[in-house]
Amino acid sequence: MPAVIKYNRFGYPIAVILLPFIYKHGAIMINKIERFGFVFY
């Protein structure tokens, strides 16, 4: 959840840093964050 807040608060810089980290965990997580980002946006 914190990733979503940082993504909306700071914008893309944080999202870009988090994307690679999440990608290692699973591409599915990226989809969830993108979905949440749009919802919270």
PDB file of N, CA and C in Angstrom:
ATOM      1  N   MET A   1       0.817  -1.212   0.000  1.00  0.00           N
ATOM      2  CA  MET A   1       0.000   0.000   0.000  1.00  0.00           C
ATOM      3  C   MET A   1       0.859   1.274   0.000  1.00  0.00           C
ATOM      4  N   PRO A   2       1.953   1.314   0.752  1.00  0.00           N
ATOM      5  CA  PRO A   2       2.788   2.527   0.784  1.00  0.00           C
ATOM      6  C   PRO A   2       3.274   2.913  -0.610  1.00  0.00           C
ATOM      7  N   ALA A   3       3.510   1.921  -1.443  1.00  0.00           N
ATOM      8  CA  ALA A   3       3.977   2.210  -2.804  1.00  0.00           C
ATOM      9  C   ALA A   3       2.951   3.063  -3.539  1.00  0.00           C
ATOM     10  N   VAL A   4       1.669   2.778  -3.314  1.00  0.00           N
ATOM     11  CA  VAL A   4       0.616   3.538  -3.995  1.00  0.00           C
ATOM     12  C   VAL A   4       0.653   4.984  -3.540  1.00  0.00           C
ATOM     13  N   ILE A   5       0.798   5.215  -2.231  1.00  0.00           N
ATOM     14  CA  ILE A   5       0.808   6.578  -1.694  1.00  0.00           C
ATOM     15  C   ILE A   5       2.007   7.346  -2.243  1.00  0.00           C
ATOM     16  N   LYS A   6       3.172   6.721  -2.222  1.00  0.00           N
ATOM     17  CA  LYS A   6       4.370   7.398  -2.724  1.00  0.00           C
ATOM     18  C   LYS A   6       4.239   7.679  -4.218  1.00  0.00           C
ATOM     19  N   TYR A   7       3.639   6.733  -4.928  1.00  0.00           N
ATOM     20  CA  TYR A   7       3.465   6.896  -6.376  1.00  0.00           C
ATOM     21  C   TYR A   7       2.613   8.131  -6.666  1.00  0.00           C
ATOM     22  N   ASN A   8       1.563   8.324  -5.881  1.00  0.00           N
ATOM     23  CA  ASN A   8       0.677   9.463  -6.111  1.00  0.00           C
ATOM     24  C   ASN A   8       1.277  10.752  -5.557  1.00  0.00           C
ATOM     25  N   ARG A   9       2.005  10.634  -4.447  1.00  0.00           N
ATOM     26  CA  ARG A   9       2.538  11.833  -3.789  1.00  0.00           C
ATOM     27  C   ARG A   9       3.715  12.411  -4.569  1.00  0.00           C
ATOM     28  N   PHE A  10       4.684  11.563  -4.903  1.00  0.00           N
ATOM     29  CA  PHE A  10       5.889  12.070  -5.560  1.00  0.00           C
ATOM     30  C   PHE A  10       5.811  11.942  -7.079  1.00  0.00           C
ATOM     31  N   GLY A  11       4.970  11.052  -7.555  1.00  0.00           N
ATOM     32  CA  GLY A  11       4.839  10.904  -9.003  1.00  0.00           C
ATOM     33  C   GLY A  11       5.599   9.705  -9.543  1.00  0.00           C
ATOM     34  N   TYR A  12       6.177   9.867 -10.728  1.00  0.00           N
ATOM     35  CA  TYR A  12       6.826   8.741 -11.404  1.00  0.00           C
ATOM     36  C   TYR A  12       8.174   8.341 -10.796  1.00  0.00           C
ATOM     37  N   PRO A  13       8.995   9.295 -10.312  1.00  0.00           N
ATOM     38  CA  PRO A  13      10.331   8.929  -9.795  1.00  0.00           C
ATOM     39  C   PRO A  13      10.283   7.737  -8.854  1.00  0.00           C
ATOM     40  N   ILE A  14       9.400   7.784  -7.853  1.00  0.00           N
ATOM     41  CA  ILE A  14       9.315   6.684  -6.888  1.00  0.00           C
ATOM     42  C   ILE A  14       8.779   5.434  -7.585  1.00  0.00           C
ATOM     43  N   ALA A  15       7.797   5.620  -8.446  1.00  0.00           N
ATOM     44  CA  ALA A  15       7.188   4.476  -9.135  1.00  0.00           C
ATOM     45  C   ALA A  15       8.250   3.752  -9.962  1.00  0.00           C
ATOM     46  N   VAL A  16       9.100   4.509 -10.632  1.00  0.00           N
ATOM     47  CA  VAL A  16      10.141   3.903 -11.472  1.00  0.00           C
ATOM     48  C   VAL A  16      11.094   3.088 -10.612  1.00  0.00           C
ATOM     49  N   ILE A  17      11.406   3.599  -9.414  1.00  0.00           N
ATOM     50  CA  ILE A  17      12.329   2.877  -8.523  1.00  0.00           C
ATOM     51  C   ILE A  17      11.650   1.618  -7.981  1.00  0.00           C
ATOM     52  N   LEU A  18      10.367   1.720  -7.694  1.00  0.00           N
ATOM     53  CA  LEU A  18       9.653   0.577  -7.124  1.00  0.00           C
ATOM     54  C   LEU A  18       9.339  -0.466  -8.195  1.00  0.00           C
ATOM     55  N   LEU A  19       9.104  -0.022  -9.414  1.00  0.00           N
ATOM     56  CA  LEU A  19       8.735  -0.953 -10.493  1.00  0.00           C
ATOM     57  C   LEU A  19       9.731  -2.098 -10.621  1.00  0.00           C
ATOM     58  N   PRO A  20      11.033  -1.828 -10.775  1.00  0.00           N
ATOM     59  CA  PRO A  20      12.009  -2.921 -10.906  1.00  0.00           C
ATOM     60  C   PRO A  20      11.964  -3.859  -9.710  1.00  0.00           C
ATOM     61  N   PHE A  21      11.833  -3.284  -8.506  1.00  0.00           N
ATOM     62  CA  PHE A  21      11.807  -4.114  -7.296  1.00  0.00           C
ATOM     63  C   PHE A  21      10.608  -5.052  -7.327  1.00  0.00           C
ATOM     64  N   ILE A  22       9.452  -4.516  -7.694  1.00  0.00           N
ATOM     65  CA  ILE A  22       8.229  -5.327  -7.725  1.00  0.00           C
ATOM     66  C   ILE A  22       8.311  -6.335  -8.868  1.00  0.00           C
ATOM     67  N   TYR A  23       8.917  -5.920  -9.978  1.00  0.00           N
ATOM     68  CA  TYR A  23       9.021  -6.816 -11.139  1.00  0.00           C
ATOM     69  C   TYR A  23       9.703  -8.113 -10.745  1.00  0.00           C
ATOM     70  N   LYS A  24      10.730  -7.999  -9.895  1.00  0.00           N
ATOM     71  CA  LYS A  24      11.439  -9.205  -9.435  1.00  0.00           C
ATOM     72  C   LYS A  24      10.479 -10.105  -8.666  1.00  0.00           C
ATOM     73  N   HIS A  25       9.616  -9.499  -7.879  1.00  0.00           N
ATOM     74  CA  HIS A  25       8.656 -10.293  -7.093  1.00  0.00           C
ATOM     75  C   HIS A  25       7.625 -10.945  -8.008  1.00  0.00           C
ATOM     76  N   GLY A  26       7.160 -10.183  -8.994  1.00  0.00           N
ATOM     77  CA  GLY A  26       6.160 -10.731  -9.915  1.00  0.00           C
ATOM     78  C   GLY A  26       5.508  -9.638 -10.739  1.00  0.00           C
ATOM     79  N   ALA A  27       5.306  -9.912 -12.011  1.00  0.00           N
ATOM     80  CA  ALA A  27       4.686  -8.917 -12.889  1.00  0.00           C
ATOM     81  C   ALA A  27       3.250  -8.648 -12.449  1.00  0.00           C
ATOM     82  N   ILE A  28       2.634  -9.607 -11.771  1.00  0.00           N
ATOM     83  CA  ILE A  28       1.243  -9.436 -11.323  1.00  0.00           C
ATOM     84  C   ILE A  28       1.153  -8.248 -10.366  1.00  0.00           C
ATOM     85  N   MET A  29       2.167  -8.085  -9.515  1.00  0.00           N
ATOM     86  CA  MET A  29       2.155  -6.970  -8.553  1.00  0.00           C
ATOM     87  C   MET A  29       2.097  -5.639  -9.285  1.00  0.00           C
ATOM     88  N   ILE A  30       2.820  -5.524 -10.392  1.00  0.00           N
ATOM     89  CA  ILE A  30       2.819  -4.266 -11.148  1.00  0.00           C
ATOM     90  C   ILE A  30       1.394  -3.944 -11.597  1.00  0.00           C
ATOM     91  N   ASN A  31       0.694  -4.957 -12.074  1.00  0.00           N
ATOM     92  CA  ASN A  31      -0.682  -4.749 -12.517  1.00  0.00           C
ATOM     93  C   ASN A  31      -1.530  -4.228 -11.367  1.00  0.00           C
ATOM     94  N   LYS A  32      -1.344  -4.818 -10.179  1.00  0.00           N
ATOM     95  CA  LYS A  32      -2.140  -4.399  -9.021  1.00  0.00           C
ATOM     96  C   LYS A  32      -1.823  -2.954  -8.662  1.00  0.00           C
ATOM     97  N   ILE A  33      -0.548  -2.594  -8.651  1.00  0.00           N
ATOM     98  CA  ILE A  33      -0.159  -1.221  -8.285  1.00  0.00           C
ATOM     99  C   ILE A  33      -0.703  -0.244  -9.322  1.00  0.00           C
ATOM    100  N   GLU A  34      -0.597  -0.617 -10.598  1.00  0.00           N
ATOM    101  CA  GLU A  34      -1.100   0.266 -11.645  1.00  0.00           C
ATOM    102  C   GLU A  34      -2.604   0.454 -11.476  1.00  0.00           C
ATOM    103  N   ARG A  35      -3.273  -0.617 -11.136  1.00  0.00           N
ATOM    104  CA  ARG A  35      -4.724  -0.549 -10.954  1.00  0.00           C
ATOM    105  C   ARG A  35      -5.041   0.353  -9.762  1.00  0.00           C
ATOM    106  N   PHE A  36      -4.353   0.131  -8.655  1.00  0.00           N
ATOM    107  CA  PHE A  36      -4.591   0.945  -7.460  1.00  0.00           C
ATOM    108  C   PHE A  36      -4.223   2.401  -7.723  1.00  0.00           C
ATOM    109  N   GLY A  37      -3.133   2.603  -8.445  1.00  0.00           N
ATOM    110  CA  GLY A  37      -2.694   3.965  -8.762  1.00  0.00           C
ATOM    111  C   GLY A  37      -3.793   4.731  -9.494  1.00  0.00           C
ATOM    112  N   PHE A  38      -4.405   4.064 -10.465  1.00  0.00           N
ATOM    113  CA  PHE A  38      -5.468   4.721 -11.226  1.00  0.00           C
ATOM    114  C   PHE A  38      -6.669   5.001 -10.333  1.00  0.00           C
ATOM    115  N   VAL A  39      -6.970   4.057  -9.455  1.00  0.00           N
ATOM    116  CA  VAL A  39      -8.134   4.221  -8.582  1.00  0.00           C
ATOM    117  C   VAL A  39      -7.898   5.378  -7.613  1.00  0.00           C
ATOM    118  N   PHE A  40      -6.691   5.434  -7.043  1.00  0.00           N
ATOM    119  CA  PHE A  40      -6.396   6.490  -6.074  1.00  0.00           C
ATOM    120  C   PHE A  40      -6.152   7.828  -6.764  1.00  0.00           C
ATOM    121  N   TYR A  41      -5.701   7.754  -8.022  1.00  0.00           N
ATOM    122  CA  TYR A  41      -5.435   8.974  -8.771  1.00  0.00           C
ATOM    123  C   TYR A  41      -6.750   9.720  -8.997  1.00  0.00           C
TER     124      TYR A  41
END
